[in-house]
Amino acid sequence: MASATRDAPDEEGVEFIHEEDGSITAKDIETGVASFGDTKAEALRMLAEAIELHEGGGESIDDPDAFLEEELGIDVADEPKGLPDFMQ
């Protein structure tokens, strides 16, 4: 069973949840945004990035297909377009 600890009282700060698999989830109390890592430090770094993105930070991706192909090496030419049949 996971266990949780808070570093600050009331409705601000970070709650750490020690997961059964050994990872640690860091949850921002105010926003509810959470992320995880193998250590508290890693979980906090990932949480900071998640909060930045949640608040509109980060870079915009103008061409998602180009991003997938160039940055992640995913060939999107063979990917089906539109909704799957069961969702139409």
Protein backbone atom coordinates (compact mmCIF):
# COMPACT_ATOMS: atom_id res chain seq x y z
CA MET A 1 0.00 0.00 0.00
CA ALA A 2 1.28 3.49 -0.85
CA SER A 3 2.00 5.95 1.94
CA ALA A 4 1.96 9.75 1.82
CA THR A 5 3.82 12.53 3.61
CA ARG A 6 3.49 16.31 3.34
CA ASP A 7 6.29 18.83 3.57
CA ALA A 8 3.94 21.77 4.33
CA PRO A 9 0.65 22.10 6.22
CA ASP A 10 -2.72 23.27 4.89
CA GLU A 11 -3.34 23.81 1.20
CA GLU A 12 0.15 24.49 -0.14
CA GLY A 13 3.36 22.60 -0.59
CA VAL A 14 4.13 19.15 -1.90
CA GLU A 15 2.80 15.76 -0.87
CA PHE A 16 5.12 12.80 -1.41
CA ILE A 17 3.54 9.41 -2.02
CA HIS A 18 5.80 6.39 -1.68
CA GLU A 19 4.45 3.89 -4.21
CA GLU A 20 4.55 0.12 -3.81
CA ASP A 21 6.96 -0.21 -6.76
CA GLY A 22 9.52 1.99 -4.98
CA SER A 23 8.89 5.15 -7.01
CA ILE A 24 7.93 8.42 -5.36
CA THR A 25 5.06 10.61 -6.55
CA ALA A 26 5.28 14.33 -5.82
CA LYS A 27 1.91 16.11 -5.87
CA ASP A 28 1.48 19.89 -5.71
CA ILE A 29 -1.28 20.45 -3.14
CA GLU A 30 -2.53 23.73 -4.64
CA THR A 31 -2.89 22.64 -8.28
CA GLY A 32 -3.25 18.89 -7.92
CA VAL A 33 -0.54 18.40 -10.56
CA ALA A 34 1.62 15.34 -9.89
CA SER A 35 4.68 13.62 -11.30
CA PHE A 36 7.01 10.87 -10.17
CA GLY A 37 10.61 9.70 -10.01
CA ASP A 38 12.91 7.19 -8.40
CA THR A 39 13.93 9.71 -5.70
CA LYS A 40 12.34 12.75 -4.05
CA ALA A 41 14.75 15.02 -5.95
CA GLU A 42 13.83 13.48 -9.30
CA ALA A 43 10.11 13.60 -8.47
CA LEU A 44 10.44 17.30 -7.59
CA ARG A 45 12.29 18.07 -10.85
CA MET A 46 9.61 16.29 -12.85
CA LEU A 47 6.87 18.05 -10.84
CA ALA A 48 8.42 21.45 -11.56
CA GLU A 49 8.34 20.68 -15.29
CA ALA A 50 4.75 19.43 -15.10
CA ILE A 51 3.63 22.58 -13.26
CA GLU A 52 5.37 24.78 -15.85
CA LEU A 53 3.52 22.99 -18.65
CA HIS A 54 0.27 23.10 -16.68
CA GLU A 55 0.61 26.88 -16.40
CA GLY A 56 1.18 27.35 -20.14
CA GLY A 57 4.96 27.23 -20.22
CA GLY A 58 7.09 25.25 -22.59
CA GLU A 59 7.48 25.43 -26.33
CA SER A 60 4.61 25.22 -28.78
CA ILE A 61 4.72 22.44 -31.38
CA ASP A 62 3.63 24.00 -34.67
CA ASP A 63 3.81 20.82 -36.75
CA PRO A 64 3.13 17.72 -34.61
CA ASP A 65 3.91 15.32 -37.47
CA ALA A 66 7.33 16.90 -38.06
CA PHE A 67 8.03 16.78 -34.31
CA LEU A 68 7.17 13.09 -34.15
CA GLU A 69 9.32 12.28 -37.16
CA GLU A 70 12.34 14.52 -36.43
CA GLU A 71 12.51 14.50 -32.64
CA LEU A 72 11.14 11.07 -31.80
CA GLY A 73 11.90 9.12 -34.98
CA ILE A 74 8.29 8.00 -35.48
CA ASP A 75 7.17 7.58 -39.09
CA VAL A 76 3.67 9.03 -39.18
CA ALA A 77 3.12 8.37 -42.89
CA ASP A 78 1.83 4.87 -42.10
CA GLU A 79 -0.32 5.99 -39.18
CA PRO A 80 -4.09 5.96 -39.79
CA LYS A 81 -5.77 9.36 -39.92
CA GLY A 82 -9.01 10.25 -38.19
CA LEU A 83 -10.98 8.32 -35.62
CA PRO A 84 -10.91 4.53 -35.42
CA ASP A 85 -13.98 2.80 -36.80
CA PHE A 86 -15.40 2.00 -33.35
CA MET A 87 -15.38 5.71 -32.42
CA GLN A 88 -17.25 6.94 -35.51
